[in-house]
Amino acid sequence: VLVESHDAEAFSRALDYLIGNQELRERMGERGREFVAQNYSVERLMADVLSLYEELLSPAGRRDVSRAGSPGTNQNISRAAGAARLKGD
């Protein structure tokens, strides 16, 4: 369900619609769970961390890290930080 930002009336109508439509709420919940299971599983996070380590340990990866702001580096650091937080939980 999408509404324009800063449109309280549209947001209110969307909530009313969801409140009155149990089947839609259930479908949205199921799809949300499927998305999280596919994209945020421990196995997926560990594969991403392994891929990051392999990239950073490669000669090309070491050069990328030395360039502040290189396109893939910040994303990879964020992935590693997220995996580290998960491990600490």
PDB file of N, CA and C in Angstrom:
ATOM      1  N   VAL A   1       0.859  -1.160   0.000  1.00  0.00           N
ATOM      2  CA  VAL A   1       0.000   0.000   0.000  1.00  0.00           C
ATOM      3  C   VAL A   1       0.906   1.223   0.000  1.00  0.00           C
ATOM      4  N   LEU A   2       0.746   2.056  -0.996  1.00  0.00           N
ATOM      5  CA  LEU A   2       1.554   3.271  -1.121  1.00  0.00           C
ATOM      6  C   LEU A   2       0.679   4.504  -1.012  1.00  0.00           C
ATOM      7  N   VAL A   3       1.218   5.520  -0.340  1.00  0.00           N
ATOM      8  CA  VAL A   3       0.545   6.813  -0.270  1.00  0.00           C
ATOM      9  C   VAL A   3       1.588   7.902  -0.469  1.00  0.00           C
ATOM     10  N   GLU A   4       1.121   9.067  -0.880  1.00  0.00           N
ATOM     11  CA  GLU A   4       2.014  10.212  -1.041  1.00  0.00           C
ATOM     12  C   GLU A   4       2.559  10.609   0.326  1.00  0.00           C
ATOM     13  N   SER A   5       3.819  11.032   0.353  1.00  0.00           N
ATOM     14  CA  SER A   5       4.383  11.488   1.622  1.00  0.00           C
ATOM     15  C   SER A   5       3.677  12.763   2.067  1.00  0.00           C
ATOM     16  N   HIS A   6       3.573  12.927   3.365  1.00  0.00           N
ATOM     17  CA  HIS A   6       2.960  14.104   3.989  1.00  0.00           C
ATOM     18  C   HIS A   6       1.463  14.227   3.683  1.00  0.00           C
ATOM     19  N   ASP A   7       0.827  13.144   3.303  1.00  0.00           N
ATOM     20  CA  ASP A   7      -0.617  13.164   3.032  1.00  0.00           C
ATOM     21  C   ASP A   7      -1.315  12.332   4.107  1.00  0.00           C
ATOM     22  N   ALA A   8      -1.661  12.995   5.202  1.00  0.00           N
ATOM     23  CA  ALA A   8      -2.253  12.297   6.338  1.00  0.00           C
ATOM     24  C   ALA A   8      -3.593  11.659   5.985  1.00  0.00           C
ATOM     25  N   GLU A   9      -4.381  12.311   5.139  1.00  0.00           N
ATOM     26  CA  GLU A   9      -5.674  11.755   4.741  1.00  0.00           C
ATOM     27  C   GLU A   9      -5.498  10.451   3.968  1.00  0.00           C
ATOM     28  N   ALA A  10      -4.559  10.444   3.026  1.00  0.00           N
ATOM     29  CA  ALA A  10      -4.308   9.223   2.248  1.00  0.00           C
ATOM     30  C   ALA A  10      -3.793   8.113   3.151  1.00  0.00           C
ATOM     31  N   PHE A  11      -2.945   8.473   4.096  1.00  0.00           N
ATOM     32  CA  PHE A  11      -2.415   7.481   5.032  1.00  0.00           C
ATOM     33  C   PHE A  11      -3.543   6.897   5.872  1.00  0.00           C
ATOM     34  N   SER A  12      -4.432   7.753   6.335  1.00  0.00           N
ATOM     35  CA  SER A  12      -5.572   7.309   7.128  1.00  0.00           C
ATOM     36  C   SER A  12      -6.476   6.375   6.317  1.00  0.00           C
ATOM     37  N   ARG A  13      -6.730   6.723   5.058  1.00  0.00           N
ATOM     38  CA  ARG A  13      -7.554   5.854   4.196  1.00  0.00           C
ATOM     39  C   ARG A  13      -6.878   4.509   3.973  1.00  0.00           C
ATOM     40  N   ALA A  14      -5.568   4.529   3.783  1.00  0.00           N
ATOM     41  CA  ALA A  14      -4.831   3.276   3.566  1.00  0.00           C
ATOM     42  C   ALA A  14      -4.904   2.383   4.802  1.00  0.00           C
ATOM     43  N   LEU A  15      -4.762   2.989   5.973  1.00  0.00           N
ATOM     44  CA  LEU A  15      -4.873   2.204   7.207  1.00  0.00           C
ATOM     45  C   LEU A  15      -6.279   1.635   7.377  1.00  0.00           C
ATOM     46  N   ASP A  16      -7.277   2.441   7.099  1.00  0.00           N
ATOM     47  CA  ASP A  16      -8.652   1.949   7.177  1.00  0.00           C
ATOM     48  C   ASP A  16      -8.857   0.773   6.222  1.00  0.00           C
ATOM     49  N   TYR A  17      -8.297   0.895   5.024  1.00  0.00           N
ATOM     50  CA  TYR A  17      -8.419  -0.183   4.042  1.00  0.00           C
ATOM     51  C   TYR A  17      -7.771  -1.465   4.561  1.00  0.00           C
ATOM     52  N   LEU A  18      -6.573  -1.335   5.130  1.00  0.00           N
ATOM     53  CA  LEU A  18      -5.889  -2.514   5.666  1.00  0.00           C
ATOM     54  C   LEU A  18      -6.640  -3.112   6.849  1.00  0.00           C
ATOM     55  N   ILE A  19      -7.166  -2.258   7.704  1.00  0.00           N
ATOM     56  CA  ILE A  19      -7.920  -2.747   8.862  1.00  0.00           C
ATOM     57  C   ILE A  19      -9.114  -3.574   8.401  1.00  0.00           C
ATOM     58  N   GLY A  20      -9.734  -3.160   7.330  1.00  0.00           N
ATOM     59  CA  GLY A  20     -10.919  -3.858   6.834  1.00  0.00           C
ATOM     60  C   GLY A  20     -10.632  -5.019   5.900  1.00  0.00           C
ATOM     61  N   ASN A  21      -9.365  -5.297   5.612  1.00  0.00           N
ATOM     62  CA  ASN A  21      -9.042  -6.332   4.636  1.00  0.00           C
ATOM     63  C   ASN A  21      -8.044  -7.333   5.234  1.00  0.00           C
ATOM     64  N   GLN A  22      -8.571  -8.293   5.993  1.00  0.00           N
ATOM     65  CA  GLN A  22      -7.733  -9.271   6.672  1.00  0.00           C
ATOM     66  C   GLN A  22      -6.907 -10.096   5.686  1.00  0.00           C
ATOM     67  N   GLU A  23      -7.495 -10.479   4.572  1.00  0.00           N
ATOM     68  CA  GLU A  23      -6.779 -11.294   3.586  1.00  0.00           C
ATOM     69  C   GLU A  23      -5.540 -10.558   3.064  1.00  0.00           C
ATOM     70  N   LEU A  24      -5.681  -9.285   2.776  1.00  0.00           N
ATOM     71  CA  LEU A  24      -4.538  -8.499   2.303  1.00  0.00           C
ATOM     72  C   LEU A  24      -3.469  -8.399   3.383  1.00  0.00           C
ATOM     73  N   ARG A  25      -3.874  -8.143   4.627  1.00  0.00           N
ATOM     74  CA  ARG A  25      -2.901  -8.074   5.724  1.00  0.00           C
ATOM     75  C   ARG A  25      -2.128  -9.381   5.850  1.00  0.00           C
ATOM     76  N   GLU A  26      -2.832 -10.503   5.750  1.00  0.00           N
ATOM     77  CA  GLU A  26      -2.171 -11.804   5.867  1.00  0.00           C
ATOM     78  C   GLU A  26      -1.203 -12.038   4.713  1.00  0.00           C
ATOM     79  N   ARG A  27      -1.625 -11.689   3.485  1.00  0.00           N
ATOM     80  CA  ARG A  27      -0.730 -11.846   2.322  1.00  0.00           C
ATOM     81  C   ARG A  27       0.508 -10.975   2.466  1.00  0.00           C
ATOM     82  N   MET A  28       0.314  -9.738   2.910  1.00  0.00           N
ATOM     83  CA  MET A  28       1.454  -8.837   3.090  1.00  0.00           C
ATOM     84  C   MET A  28       2.409  -9.396   4.146  1.00  0.00           C
ATOM     85  N   GLY A  29       1.870  -9.916   5.219  1.00  0.00           N
ATOM     86  CA  GLY A  29       2.699 -10.504   6.274  1.00  0.00           C
ATOM     87  C   GLY A  29       3.483 -11.708   5.769  1.00  0.00           C
ATOM     88  N   GLU A  30       2.814 -12.571   5.010  1.00  0.00           N
ATOM     89  CA  GLU A  30       3.487 -13.754   4.462  1.00  0.00           C
ATOM     90  C   GLU A  30       4.610 -13.354   3.512  1.00  0.00           C
ATOM     91  N   ARG A  31       4.336 -12.396   2.643  1.00  0.00           N
ATOM     92  CA  ARG A  31       5.366 -11.939   1.695  1.00  0.00           C
ATOM     93  C   ARG A  31       6.524 -11.267   2.423  1.00  0.00           C
ATOM     94  N   GLY A  32       6.219 -10.529   3.467  1.00  0.00           N
ATOM     95  CA  GLY A  32       7.278  -9.900   4.256  1.00  0.00           C
ATOM     96  C   GLY A  32       8.170 -10.938   4.914  1.00  0.00           C
ATOM     97  N   ARG A  33       7.568 -11.975   5.490  1.00  0.00           N
ATOM     98  CA  ARG A  33       8.349 -13.054   6.108  1.00  0.00           C
ATOM     99  C   ARG A  33       9.200 -13.772   5.062  1.00  0.00           C
ATOM    100  N   GLU A  34       8.630 -14.034   3.890  1.00  0.00           N
ATOM    101  CA  GLU A  34       9.392 -14.691   2.825  1.00  0.00           C
ATOM    102  C   GLU A  34      10.584 -13.846   2.400  1.00  0.00           C
ATOM    103  N   PHE A  35      10.368 -12.541   2.258  1.00  0.00           N
ATOM    104  CA  PHE A  35      11.452 -11.643   1.851  1.00  0.00           C
ATOM    105  C   PHE A  35      12.580 -11.667   2.880  1.00  0.00           C
ATOM    106  N   VAL A  36      12.227 -11.571   4.149  1.00  0.00           N
ATOM    107  CA  VAL A  36      13.246 -11.571   5.203  1.00  0.00           C
ATOM    108  C   VAL A  36      13.974 -12.910   5.216  1.00  0.00           C
ATOM    109  N   ALA A  37      13.253 -14.010   5.104  1.00  0.00           N
ATOM    110  CA  ALA A  37      13.887 -15.330   5.115  1.00  0.00           C
ATOM    111  C   ALA A  37      14.856 -15.493   3.952  1.00  0.00           C
ATOM    112  N   GLN A  38      14.517 -14.964   2.786  1.00  0.00           N
ATOM    113  CA  GLN A  38      15.368 -15.097   1.610  1.00  0.00           C
ATOM    114  C   GLN A  38      16.552 -14.141   1.636  1.00  0.00           C
ATOM    115  N   ASN A  39      16.372 -12.975   2.209  1.00  0.00           N
ATOM    116  CA  ASN A  39      17.394 -11.935   2.105  1.00  0.00           C
ATOM    117  C   ASN A  39      18.192 -11.688   3.379  1.00  0.00           C
ATOM    118  N   TYR A  40      17.731 -12.179   4.512  1.00  0.00           N
ATOM    119  CA  TYR A  40      18.409 -11.884   5.767  1.00  0.00           C
ATOM    120  C   TYR A  40      18.639 -13.126   6.622  1.00  0.00           C
ATOM    121  N   SER A  41      18.779 -14.271   6.015  1.00  0.00           N
ATOM    122  CA  SER A  41      19.049 -15.473   6.780  1.00  0.00           C
ATOM    123  C   SER A  41      20.499 -15.462   7.256  1.00  0.00           C
ATOM    124  N   VAL A  42      20.789 -16.232   8.280  1.00  0.00           N
ATOM    125  CA  VAL A  42      22.157 -16.345   8.788  1.00  0.00           C
ATOM    126  C   VAL A  42      23.061 -16.856   7.680  1.00  0.00           C
ATOM    127  N   GLU A  43      22.572 -17.817   6.910  1.00  0.00           N
ATOM    128  CA  GLU A  43      23.383 -18.370   5.824  1.00  0.00           C
ATOM    129  C   GLU A  43      23.733 -17.291   4.804  1.00  0.00           C
ATOM    130  N   ARG A  44      22.764 -16.461   4.459  1.00  0.00           N
ATOM    131  CA  ARG A  44      22.993 -15.385   3.488  1.00  0.00           C
ATOM    132  C   ARG A  44      23.990 -14.372   4.044  1.00  0.00           C
ATOM    133  N   LEU A  45      23.828 -13.988   5.310  1.00  0.00           N
ATOM    134  CA  LEU A  45      24.764 -13.041   5.916  1.00  0.00           C
ATOM    135  C   LEU A  45      26.179 -13.605   5.954  1.00  0.00           C
ATOM    136  N   MET A  46      26.304 -14.863   6.299  1.00  0.00           N
ATOM    137  CA  MET A  46      27.641 -15.477   6.360  1.00  0.00           C
ATOM    138  C   MET A  46      28.255 -15.554   4.963  1.00  0.00           C
ATOM    139  N   ALA A  47      27.457 -15.858   3.960  1.00  0.00           N
ATOM    140  CA  ALA A  47      27.973 -15.879   2.588  1.00  0.00           C
ATOM    141  C   ALA A  47      28.438 -14.494   2.177  1.00  0.00           C
ATOM    142  N   ASP A  48      27.681 -13.457   2.569  1.00  0.00           N
ATOM    143  CA  ASP A  48      28.079 -12.079   2.251  1.00  0.00           C
ATOM    144  C   ASP A  48      29.380 -11.709   2.953  1.00  0.00           C
ATOM    145  N   VAL A  49      29.524 -12.111   4.217  1.00  0.00           N
ATOM    146  CA  VAL A  49      30.758 -11.808   4.956  1.00  0.00           C
ATOM    147  C   VAL A  49      31.936 -12.529   4.316  1.00  0.00           C
ATOM    148  N   LEU A  50      31.752 -13.789   3.963  1.00  0.00           N
ATOM    149  CA  LEU A  50      32.824 -14.535   3.304  1.00  0.00           C
ATOM    150  C   LEU A  50      33.217 -13.870   1.993  1.00  0.00           C
ATOM    151  N   SER A  51      32.222 -13.461   1.225  1.00  0.00           N
ATOM    152  CA  SER A  51      32.495 -12.776  -0.034  1.00  0.00           C
ATOM    153  C   SER A  51      33.248 -11.473   0.202  1.00  0.00           C
ATOM    154  N   LEU A  52      32.859 -10.743   1.240  1.00  0.00           N
ATOM    155  CA  LEU A  52      33.556  -9.503   1.574  1.00  0.00           C
ATOM    156  C   LEU A  52      35.011  -9.782   1.940  1.00  0.00           C
ATOM    157  N   TYR A  53      35.256 -10.769   2.791  1.00  0.00           N
ATOM    158  CA  TYR A  53      36.626 -11.105   3.174  1.00  0.00           C
ATOM    159  C   TYR A  53      37.450 -11.490   1.951  1.00  0.00           C
ATOM    160  N   GLU A  54      36.873 -12.313   1.082  1.00  0.00           N
ATOM    161  CA  GLU A  54      37.596 -12.718  -0.115  1.00  0.00           C
ATOM    162  C   GLU A  54      37.932 -11.511  -0.988  1.00  0.00           C
ATOM    163  N   GLU A  55      36.975 -10.588  -1.105  1.00  0.00           N
ATOM    164  CA  GLU A  55      37.212  -9.376  -1.895  1.00  0.00           C
ATOM    165  C   GLU A  55      38.306  -8.524  -1.270  1.00  0.00           C
ATOM    166  N   LEU A  56      38.242  -8.337   0.048  1.00  0.00           N
ATOM    167  CA  LEU A  56      39.227  -7.495   0.719  1.00  0.00           C
ATOM    168  C   LEU A  56      40.619  -8.116   0.722  1.00  0.00           C
ATOM    169  N   LEU A  57      40.685  -9.436   0.725  1.00  0.00           N
ATOM    170  CA  LEU A  57      41.983 -10.105   0.738  1.00  0.00           C
ATOM    171  C   LEU A  57      42.598 -10.232  -0.647  1.00  0.00           C
ATOM    172  N   SER A  58      41.803  -9.988  -1.679  1.00  0.00           N
ATOM    173  CA  SER A  58      42.346 -10.053  -3.031  1.00  0.00           C
ATOM    174  C   SER A  58      43.164  -8.796  -3.299  1.00  0.00           C
ATOM    175  N   PRO A  59      44.126  -8.867  -4.214  1.00  0.00           N
ATOM    176  CA  PRO A  59      44.925  -7.666  -4.522  1.00  0.00           C
ATOM    177  C   PRO A  59      44.054  -6.481  -4.944  1.00  0.00           C
ATOM    178  N   ALA A  60      43.030  -6.709  -5.731  1.00  0.00           N
ATOM    179  CA  ALA A  60      42.155  -5.620  -6.167  1.00  0.00           C
ATOM    180  C   ALA A  60      41.366  -5.056  -4.989  1.00  0.00           C
ATOM    181  N   GLY A  61      40.942  -5.911  -4.091  1.00  0.00           N
ATOM    182  CA  GLY A  61      40.181  -5.474  -2.925  1.00  0.00           C
ATOM    183  C   GLY A  61      40.985  -4.585  -2.014  1.00  0.00           C
ATOM    184  N   ARG A  62      42.251  -4.901  -1.853  1.00  0.00           N
ATOM    185  CA  ARG A  62      43.104  -4.066  -1.005  1.00  0.00           C
ATOM    186  C   ARG A  62      43.273  -2.682  -1.601  1.00  0.00           C
ATOM    187  N   ARG A  63      43.342  -2.598  -2.906  1.00  0.00           N
ATOM    188  CA  ARG A  63      43.445  -1.276  -3.545  1.00  0.00           C
ATOM    189  C   ARG A  63      42.151  -0.498  -3.347  1.00  0.00           C
ATOM    190  N   ASP A  64      41.002  -1.174  -3.449  1.00  0.00           N
ATOM    191  CA  ASP A  64      39.720  -0.487  -3.293  1.00  0.00           C
ATOM    192  C   ASP A  64      39.572   0.101  -1.901  1.00  0.00           C
ATOM    193  N   VAL A  65      40.033  -0.597  -0.880  1.00  0.00           N
ATOM    194  CA  VAL A  65      39.891  -0.127   0.490  1.00  0.00           C
ATOM    195  C   VAL A  65      40.697   1.141   0.699  1.00  0.00           C
ATOM    196  N   SER A  66      41.820   1.282   0.010  1.00  0.00           N
ATOM    197  CA  SER A  66      42.657   2.457   0.204  1.00  0.00           C
ATOM    198  C   SER A  66      42.039   3.707  -0.401  1.00  0.00           C
ATOM    199  N   ARG A  67      41.033   3.545  -1.275  1.00  0.00           N
ATOM    200  CA  ARG A  67      40.372   4.708  -1.887  1.00  0.00           C
ATOM    201  C   ARG A  67      39.143   5.057  -1.075  1.00  0.00           C
ATOM    202  N   ALA A  68      39.219   6.128  -0.321  1.00  0.00           N
ATOM    203  CA  ALA A  68      38.068   6.529   0.489  1.00  0.00           C
ATOM    204  C   ALA A  68      36.886   6.814  -0.422  1.00  0.00           C
ATOM    205  N   GLY A  69      35.752   6.277  -0.052  1.00  0.00           N
ATOM    206  CA  GLY A  69      34.526   6.569  -0.791  1.00  0.00           C
ATOM    207  C   GLY A  69      34.342   5.761  -2.055  1.00  0.00           C
ATOM    208  N   SER A  70      35.119   4.705  -2.264  1.00  0.00           N
ATOM    209  CA  SER A  70      34.905   3.906  -3.463  1.00  0.00           C
ATOM    210  C   SER A  70      33.528   3.273  -3.391  1.00  0.00           C
ATOM    211  N   PRO A  71      32.857   3.115  -4.526  1.00  0.00           N
ATOM    212  CA  PRO A  71      31.442   2.739  -4.544  1.00  0.00           C
ATOM    213  C   PRO A  71      31.090   1.497  -3.748  1.00  0.00           C
ATOM    214  N   GLY A  72      31.825   0.409  -3.872  1.00  0.00           N
ATOM    215  CA  GLY A  72      31.427  -0.819  -3.198  1.00  0.00           C
ATOM    216  C   GLY A  72      31.879  -0.914  -1.760  1.00  0.00           C
ATOM    217  N   THR A  73      32.857  -0.112  -1.374  1.00  0.00           N
ATOM    218  CA  THR A  73      33.470  -0.275  -0.069  1.00  0.00           C
ATOM    219  C   THR A  73      32.513   0.032   1.064  1.00  0.00           C
ATOM    220  N   ASN A  74      31.815   1.139   1.022  1.00  0.00           N
ATOM    221  CA  ASN A  74      30.912   1.485   2.113  1.00  0.00           C
ATOM    222  C   ASN A  74      29.820   0.448   2.282  1.00  0.00           C
ATOM    223  N   GLN A  75      29.290  -0.062   1.183  1.00  0.00           N
ATOM    224  CA  GLN A  75      28.250  -1.085   1.253  1.00  0.00           C
ATOM    225  C   GLN A  75      28.814  -2.348   1.894  1.00  0.00           C
ATOM    226  N   ASN A  76      30.019  -2.729   1.509  1.00  0.00           N
ATOM    227  CA  ASN A  76      30.616  -3.932   2.068  1.00  0.00           C
ATOM    228  C   ASN A  76      30.911  -3.771   3.553  1.00  0.00           C
ATOM    229  N   ILE A  77      31.376  -2.603   3.950  1.00  0.00           N
ATOM    230  CA  ILE A  77      31.636  -2.357   5.358  1.00  0.00           C
ATOM    231  C   ILE A  77      30.340  -2.429   6.141  1.00  0.00           C
ATOM    232  N   SER A  78      29.270  -1.881   5.595  1.00  0.00           N
ATOM    233  CA  SER A  78      27.970  -1.941   6.261  1.00  0.00           C
ATOM    234  C   SER A  78      27.508  -3.380   6.411  1.00  0.00           C
ATOM    235  N   ARG A  79      27.694  -4.201   5.376  1.00  0.00           N
ATOM    236  CA  ARG A  79      27.303  -5.613   5.461  1.00  0.00           C
ATOM    237  C   ARG A  79      28.095  -6.319   6.543  1.00  0.00           C
ATOM    238  N   ALA A  80      29.387  -6.061   6.616  1.00  0.00           N
ATOM    239  CA  ALA A  80      30.227  -6.706   7.618  1.00  0.00           C
ATOM    240  C   ALA A  80      29.829  -6.261   9.020  1.00  0.00           C
ATOM    241  N   ALA A  81      29.536  -4.980   9.180  1.00  0.00           N
ATOM    242  CA  ALA A  81      29.121  -4.474  10.483  1.00  0.00           C
ATOM    243  C   ALA A  81      27.807  -5.119  10.912  1.00  0.00           C
ATOM    244  N   GLY A  82      26.873  -5.267   9.985  1.00  0.00           N
ATOM    245  CA  GLY A  82      25.601  -5.917  10.305  1.00  0.00           C
ATOM    246  C   GLY A  82      25.798  -7.362  10.704  1.00  0.00           C
ATOM    247  N   ALA A  83      26.681  -8.060  10.032  1.00  0.00           N
ATOM    248  CA  ALA A  83      26.953  -9.459  10.371  1.00  0.00           C
ATOM    249  C   ALA A  83      27.622  -9.554  11.731  1.00  0.00           C
ATOM    250  N   ALA A  84      28.493  -8.613  12.042  1.00  0.00           N
ATOM    251  CA  ALA A  84      29.160  -8.619  13.343  1.00  0.00           C
ATOM    252  C   ALA A  84      28.154  -8.377  14.466  1.00  0.00           C
ATOM    253  N   ARG A  85      27.199  -7.461  14.225  1.00  0.00           N
ATOM    254  CA  ARG A  85      26.169  -7.221  15.237  1.00  0.00           C
ATOM    255  C   ARG A  85      25.330  -8.472  15.437  1.00  0.00           C
ATOM    256  N   LEU A  86      25.005  -9.168  14.352  1.00  0.00           N
ATOM    257  CA  LEU A  86      24.203 -10.390  14.449  1.00  0.00           C
ATOM    258  C   LEU A  86      24.957 -11.427  15.269  1.00  0.00           C
ATOM    259  N   LYS A  87      26.244 -11.568  15.026  1.00  0.00           N
ATOM    260  CA  LYS A  87      27.049 -12.554  15.750  1.00  0.00           C
ATOM    261  C   LYS A  87      27.098 -12.234  17.226  1.00  0.00           C
ATOM    262  N   GLY A  88      27.107 -10.952  17.557  1.00  0.00           N
ATOM    263  CA  GLY A  88      27.184 -10.537  18.952  1.00  0.00           C
ATOM    264  C   GLY A  88      25.884 -10.739  19.711  1.00  0.00           C
ATOM    265  N   ASP A  89      24.756 -10.919  19.013  1.00  0.00           N
ATOM    266  CA  ASP A  89      23.450 -11.061  19.679  1.00  0.00           C
ATOM    267  C   ASP A  89      23.294 -12.386  20.338  1.00  0.00           C
TER     268      ASP A  89
END
